[in-house]
Amino acid sequence: MPITPDTKDWTWVLERPCPECGFDARAVERGTIAPRIRDNAAEWLEILDRDAPLRTRPSDDCWSALEYACHVRDVFRLYDERLHLMLDEDDPTFANWDQDVTAVEGRYGDQDRTVVAQELNDAAQRLAASFDEVADDEWTRTGTRSDGAQFTVESFARYLIHDPVHHVYDVESGFARLGTT
């Protein structure tokens, strides 16, 4: 069953803590971005290594742990591309990305957990390395999402890190509903 697309504008997480996962993007400092990405990837590797029903959706309207892991892998890839656009171009506009279409076309629920784990880790390490190389004067460079939301490299980084952190929360909540925590 397809998931109902998420049409919320999540940029509000830059202004206040997320009431679901508790993440507070305002407290994220530049120097912690790359380590947070690496730490989050390690959490995903643990999730994908569990003896748990990774393909089972906890409800019809919620992705499985494997589907979330595929999404996070693709988020890391996409944000690495967008970061480099921001660093290489003046105020680029990012092409629209429909995560729900990507999930269906990529057959997220049918992918191999071992391959996804390796790809997610590779994408996370690449993205973390890219953030490690951002120079002090580059954190204020800008980019614009296709819906008009504007970011600096710094706000982009803080916005980014909420996504994979929140999805760990989603997966853990899903495992709890499935009784497999």
C-alpha atoms as a PDB file:
ATOM      1  CA  MET A   1       0.000   0.000   0.000  1.00  0.00           C
ATOM      2  CA  PRO A   2       1.437   3.401  -0.909  1.00  0.00           C
ATOM      3  CA  ILE A   3       2.186   5.890   1.834  1.00  0.00           C
ATOM      4  CA  THR A   4       0.224   9.131   1.892  1.00  0.00           C
ATOM      5  CA  PRO A   5       2.750  11.774   0.781  1.00  0.00           C
ATOM      6  CA  ASP A   6       4.124  14.058   3.484  1.00  0.00           C
ATOM      7  CA  THR A   7       3.335  17.578   2.332  1.00  0.00           C
ATOM      8  CA  LYS A   8       4.407  19.373   5.522  1.00  0.00           C
ATOM      9  CA  ASP A   9       7.000  22.116   5.321  1.00  0.00           C
ATOM     10  CA  TRP A  10       9.489  20.887   7.910  1.00  0.00           C
ATOM     11  CA  THR A  11      11.594  24.091   7.897  1.00  0.00           C
ATOM     12  CA  TRP A  12       9.920  25.020  11.189  1.00  0.00           C
ATOM     13  CA  VAL A  13      12.415  22.656  12.872  1.00  0.00           C
ATOM     14  CA  LEU A  14      14.967  25.458  12.473  1.00  0.00           C
ATOM     15  CA  GLU A  15      12.930  27.607  14.880  1.00  0.00           C
ATOM     16  CA  ARG A  16      11.767  25.221  17.607  1.00  0.00           C
ATOM     17  CA  PRO A  17      12.341  21.684  18.895  1.00  0.00           C
ATOM     18  CA  CYS A  18      10.563  18.824  17.178  1.00  0.00           C
ATOM     19  CA  PRO A  19       7.745  17.733  19.520  1.00  0.00           C
ATOM     20  CA  GLU A  20       7.992  14.133  18.287  1.00  0.00           C
ATOM     21  CA  CYS A  21      11.693  13.284  18.372  1.00  0.00           C
ATOM     22  CA  GLY A  22      12.842  16.137  20.632  1.00  0.00           C
ATOM     23  CA  PHE A  23      15.583  17.289  18.243  1.00  0.00           C
ATOM     24  CA  ASP A  24      16.459  20.992  18.605  1.00  0.00           C
ATOM     25  CA  ALA A  25      18.216  22.242  15.469  1.00  0.00           C
ATOM     26  CA  ARG A  26      18.914  25.604  17.138  1.00  0.00           C
ATOM     27  CA  ALA A  27      21.392  23.875  19.443  1.00  0.00           C
ATOM     28  CA  VAL A  28      23.410  22.321  16.603  1.00  0.00           C
ATOM     29  CA  GLU A  29      26.822  23.890  16.104  1.00  0.00           C
ATOM     30  CA  ARG A  30      28.759  23.828  12.832  1.00  0.00           C
ATOM     31  CA  GLY A  31      31.539  21.647  14.157  1.00  0.00           C
ATOM     32  CA  THR A  32      29.099  18.928  15.199  1.00  0.00           C
ATOM     33  CA  ILE A  33      27.447  18.388  11.811  1.00  0.00           C
ATOM     34  CA  ALA A  34      29.900  15.841  10.383  1.00  0.00           C
ATOM     35  CA  PRO A  35      30.173  13.845  13.643  1.00  0.00           C
ATOM     36  CA  ARG A  36      26.369  13.802  13.949  1.00  0.00           C
ATOM     37  CA  ILE A  37      26.061  12.427  10.416  1.00  0.00           C
ATOM     38  CA  ARG A  38      28.612   9.717  11.182  1.00  0.00           C
ATOM     39  CA  ASP A  39      26.916   8.863  14.492  1.00  0.00           C
ATOM     40  CA  ASN A  40      23.539   8.679  12.802  1.00  0.00           C
ATOM     41  CA  ALA A  41      24.915   6.353  10.120  1.00  0.00           C
ATOM     42  CA  ALA A  42      26.185   4.070  12.883  1.00  0.00           C
ATOM     43  CA  GLU A  43      22.671   3.986  14.373  1.00  0.00           C
ATOM     44  CA  TRP A  44      21.267   2.986  10.980  1.00  0.00           C
ATOM     45  CA  LEU A  45      23.845   0.231  10.621  1.00  0.00           C
ATOM     46  CA  GLU A  46      22.731  -1.137  14.004  1.00  0.00           C
ATOM     47  CA  ILE A  47      19.080  -0.974  12.956  1.00  0.00           C
ATOM     48  CA  LEU A  48      19.784  -2.767   9.675  1.00  0.00           C
ATOM     49  CA  ASP A  49      21.769  -5.449  11.503  1.00  0.00           C
ATOM     50  CA  ARG A  50      18.942  -6.313  13.910  1.00  0.00           C
ATOM     51  CA  ASP A  51      17.073  -9.540  13.884  1.00  0.00           C
ATOM     52  CA  ALA A  52      13.820  -7.669  13.374  1.00  0.00           C
ATOM     53  CA  PRO A  53      11.118  -7.446  10.712  1.00  0.00           C
ATOM     54  CA  LEU A  54      12.809  -4.705   8.686  1.00  0.00           C
ATOM     55  CA  ARG A  55      10.370  -4.985   5.774  1.00  0.00           C
ATOM     56  CA  THR A  56       7.221  -4.920   7.912  1.00  0.00           C
ATOM     57  CA  ARG A  57       5.347  -1.650   8.124  1.00  0.00           C
ATOM     58  CA  PRO A  58       4.063  -0.937  11.628  1.00  0.00           C
ATOM     59  CA  SER A  59       0.929   0.519  10.021  1.00  0.00           C
ATOM     60  CA  ASP A  60      -0.360   1.120   6.519  1.00  0.00           C
ATOM     61  CA  ASP A  61       0.646   4.770   6.639  1.00  0.00           C
ATOM     62  CA  CYS A  62       4.201   4.277   7.954  1.00  0.00           C
ATOM     63  CA  TRP A  63       7.323   3.119   6.139  1.00  0.00           C
ATOM     64  CA  SER A  64       9.162   0.011   7.268  1.00  0.00           C
ATOM     65  CA  ALA A  65      12.625   0.293   8.829  1.00  0.00           C
ATOM     66  CA  LEU A  66      14.167  -0.771   5.512  1.00  0.00           C
ATOM     67  CA  GLU A  67      12.200   1.864   3.605  1.00  0.00           C
ATOM     68  CA  TYR A  68      13.300   4.546   6.082  1.00  0.00           C
ATOM     69  CA  ALA A  69      16.927   3.422   5.730  1.00  0.00           C
ATOM     70  CA  CYS A  70      16.692   3.704   1.935  1.00  0.00           C
ATOM     71  CA  HIS A  71      15.214   7.174   2.337  1.00  0.00           C
ATOM     72  CA  VAL A  72      18.007   8.263   4.680  1.00  0.00           C
ATOM     73  CA  ARG A  73      20.612   6.905   2.257  1.00  0.00           C
ATOM     74  CA  ASP A  74      19.040   8.980  -0.514  1.00  0.00           C
ATOM     75  CA  VAL A  75      18.777  12.050   1.715  1.00  0.00           C
ATOM     76  CA  PHE A  76      22.515  11.816   2.435  1.00  0.00           C
ATOM     77  CA  ARG A  77      23.232  11.548  -1.298  1.00  0.00           C
ATOM     78  CA  LEU A  78      20.910  14.404  -2.225  1.00  0.00           C
ATOM     79  CA  TYR A  79      22.204  16.715   0.477  1.00  0.00           C
ATOM     80  CA  ASP A  80      25.787  16.095  -0.571  1.00  0.00           C
ATOM     81  CA  GLU A  81      24.844  17.164  -4.106  1.00  0.00           C
ATOM     82  CA  ARG A  82      22.986  20.216  -2.818  1.00  0.00           C
ATOM     83  CA  LEU A  83      25.806  21.192  -0.471  1.00  0.00           C
ATOM     84  CA  HIS A  84      28.245  21.150  -3.385  1.00  0.00           C
ATOM     85  CA  LEU A  85      25.831  23.238  -5.454  1.00  0.00           C
ATOM     86  CA  MET A  86      25.733  25.814  -2.656  1.00  0.00           C
ATOM     87  CA  LEU A  87      29.506  25.855  -2.426  1.00  0.00           C
ATOM     88  CA  ASP A  88      30.116  25.966  -6.189  1.00  0.00           C
ATOM     89  CA  GLU A  89      27.315  28.232  -7.439  1.00  0.00           C
ATOM     90  CA  ASP A  90      25.781  31.503  -6.299  1.00  0.00           C
ATOM     91  CA  ASP A  91      22.403  30.857  -4.673  1.00  0.00           C
ATOM     92  CA  PRO A  92      21.427  27.782  -6.691  1.00  0.00           C
ATOM     93  CA  THR A  93      17.830  26.618  -6.826  1.00  0.00           C
ATOM     94  CA  PHE A  94      17.519  22.936  -6.020  1.00  0.00           C
ATOM     95  CA  ALA A  95      15.490  20.733  -8.315  1.00  0.00           C
ATOM     96  CA  ASN A  96      12.350  19.364  -6.723  1.00  0.00           C
ATOM     97  CA  TRP A  97      12.726  15.942  -5.127  1.00  0.00           C
ATOM     98  CA  ASP A  98       9.651  13.847  -4.478  1.00  0.00           C
ATOM     99  CA  GLN A  99      10.712  11.402  -1.789  1.00  0.00           C
ATOM    100  CA  ASP A 100       7.547   9.365  -2.151  1.00  0.00           C
ATOM    101  CA  VAL A 101       7.983   8.844  -5.891  1.00  0.00           C
ATOM    102  CA  THR A 102      11.628   7.941  -5.269  1.00  0.00           C
ATOM    103  CA  ALA A 103      10.554   5.348  -2.700  1.00  0.00           C
ATOM    104  CA  VAL A 104       8.108   3.708  -5.104  1.00  0.00           C
ATOM    105  CA  GLU A 105      10.363   3.845  -8.158  1.00  0.00           C
ATOM    106  CA  GLY A 106      13.355   2.652  -6.105  1.00  0.00           C
ATOM    107  CA  ARG A 107      11.312  -0.207  -4.648  1.00  0.00           C
ATOM    108  CA  TYR A 108      12.624   0.635  -1.190  1.00  0.00           C
ATOM    109  CA  GLY A 109      10.819  -2.248   0.479  1.00  0.00           C
ATOM    110  CA  ASP A 110      12.441  -4.801  -1.836  1.00  0.00           C
ATOM    111  CA  GLN A 111      16.059  -3.724  -1.424  1.00  0.00           C
ATOM    112  CA  ASP A 112      18.738  -5.841   0.242  1.00  0.00           C
ATOM    113  CA  ARG A 113      19.483  -4.724   3.814  1.00  0.00           C
ATOM    114  CA  THR A 114      23.222  -5.417   3.460  1.00  0.00           C
ATOM    115  CA  VAL A 115      23.505  -3.357   0.294  1.00  0.00           C
ATOM    116  CA  VAL A 116      21.427  -0.550   1.811  1.00  0.00           C
ATOM    117  CA  ALA A 117      23.635  -0.528   4.925  1.00  0.00           C
ATOM    118  CA  GLN A 118      26.796  -0.198   2.827  1.00  0.00           C
ATOM    119  CA  GLU A 119      25.296   2.465   0.551  1.00  0.00           C
ATOM    120  CA  LEU A 120      23.885   4.432   3.491  1.00  0.00           C
ATOM    121  CA  ASN A 121      27.219   4.358   5.284  1.00  0.00           C
ATOM    122  CA  ASP A 122      29.114   5.366   2.133  1.00  0.00           C
ATOM    123  CA  ALA A 123      26.720   8.265   1.501  1.00  0.00           C
ATOM    124  CA  ALA A 124      26.952   9.396   5.132  1.00  0.00           C
ATOM    125  CA  GLN A 125      30.746   9.305   5.128  1.00  0.00           C
ATOM    126  CA  ARG A 126      30.853  11.299   1.868  1.00  0.00           C
ATOM    127  CA  LEU A 127      28.436  13.903   3.207  1.00  0.00           C
ATOM    128  CA  ALA A 128      30.257  14.161   6.535  1.00  0.00           C
ATOM    129  CA  ALA A 129      33.565  14.636   4.703  1.00  0.00           C
ATOM    130  CA  SER A 130      31.971  17.361   2.589  1.00  0.00           C
ATOM    131  CA  PHE A 131      30.829  19.198   5.729  1.00  0.00           C
ATOM    132  CA  ASP A 132      34.286  18.727   7.271  1.00  0.00           C
ATOM    133  CA  GLU A 133      35.699  20.698   4.341  1.00  0.00           C
ATOM    134  CA  VAL A 134      33.327  23.685   4.532  1.00  0.00           C
ATOM    135  CA  ALA A 135      35.481  26.754   5.185  1.00  0.00           C
ATOM    136  CA  ASP A 136      34.454  29.330   7.779  1.00  0.00           C
ATOM    137  CA  ASP A 137      33.445  31.873   5.121  1.00  0.00           C
ATOM    138  CA  GLU A 138      31.313  29.304   3.242  1.00  0.00           C
ATOM    139  CA  TRP A 139      28.736  28.673   5.999  1.00  0.00           C
ATOM    140  CA  THR A 140      26.805  31.785   4.890  1.00  0.00           C
ATOM    141  CA  ARG A 141      26.554  30.763   1.219  1.00  0.00           C
ATOM    142  CA  THR A 142      22.947  30.299   0.140  1.00  0.00           C
ATOM    143  CA  GLY A 143      20.683  27.957  -1.779  1.00  0.00           C
ATOM    144  CA  THR A 144      16.962  27.911  -2.472  1.00  0.00           C
ATOM    145  CA  ARG A 145      14.665  24.923  -2.481  1.00  0.00           C
ATOM    146  CA  SER A 146      12.203  24.598  -5.382  1.00  0.00           C
ATOM    147  CA  ASP A 147       9.345  25.691  -3.077  1.00  0.00           C
ATOM    148  CA  GLY A 148      11.160  28.955  -2.286  1.00  0.00           C
ATOM    149  CA  ALA A 149      12.597  28.007   1.127  1.00  0.00           C
ATOM    150  CA  GLN A 150      16.000  29.652   1.462  1.00  0.00           C
ATOM    151  CA  PHE A 151      18.957  28.256   3.356  1.00  0.00           C
ATOM    152  CA  THR A 152      22.491  29.154   4.248  1.00  0.00           C
ATOM    153  CA  VAL A 153      24.943  26.265   4.382  1.00  0.00           C
ATOM    154  CA  GLU A 154      24.602  26.463   8.166  1.00  0.00           C
ATOM    155  CA  SER A 155      20.784  26.376   8.277  1.00  0.00           C
ATOM    156  CA  PHE A 156      20.827  23.715   5.535  1.00  0.00           C
ATOM    157  CA  ALA A 157      23.087  21.565   7.734  1.00  0.00           C
ATOM    158  CA  ARG A 158      20.895  21.989  10.807  1.00  0.00           C
ATOM    159  CA  TYR A 159      17.762  21.273   8.760  1.00  0.00           C
ATOM    160  CA  LEU A 160      19.379  18.191   7.215  1.00  0.00           C
ATOM    161  CA  ILE A 161      20.474  16.543  10.430  1.00  0.00           C
ATOM    162  CA  HIS A 162      16.948  16.545  11.841  1.00  0.00           C
ATOM    163  CA  ASP A 163      15.729  14.238   9.056  1.00  0.00           C
ATOM    164  CA  PRO A 164      17.833  11.119   9.753  1.00  0.00           C
ATOM    165  CA  VAL A 165      17.598  11.668  13.519  1.00  0.00           C
ATOM    166  CA  HIS A 166      13.815  11.911  13.297  1.00  0.00           C
ATOM    167  CA  HIS A 167      13.659   8.774  11.186  1.00  0.00           C
ATOM    168  CA  VAL A 168      15.572   6.770  13.786  1.00  0.00           C
ATOM    169  CA  TYR A 169      12.824   7.906  16.168  1.00  0.00           C
ATOM    170  CA  ASP A 170      10.194   6.820  13.596  1.00  0.00           C
ATOM    171  CA  VAL A 171      11.765   3.372  13.250  1.00  0.00           C
ATOM    172  CA  GLU A 172      12.153   2.850  16.993  1.00  0.00           C
ATOM    173  CA  SER A 173       8.510   3.871  17.477  1.00  0.00           C
ATOM    174  CA  GLY A 174       7.508   1.464  14.709  1.00  0.00           C
ATOM    175  CA  PHE A 175       9.465  -1.377  16.281  1.00  0.00           C
ATOM    176  CA  ALA A 176       7.702  -0.633  19.569  1.00  0.00           C
ATOM    177  CA  ARG A 177       4.306  -0.887  17.822  1.00  0.00           C
ATOM    178  CA  LEU A 178       5.407  -4.188  16.276  1.00  0.00           C
ATOM    179  CA  GLY A 179       6.625  -5.431  19.675  1.00  0.00           C
ATOM    180  CA  THR A 180      10.211  -5.940  18.480  1.00  0.00           C
ATOM    181  CA  THR A 181      12.217  -3.412  20.469  1.00  0.00           C
END
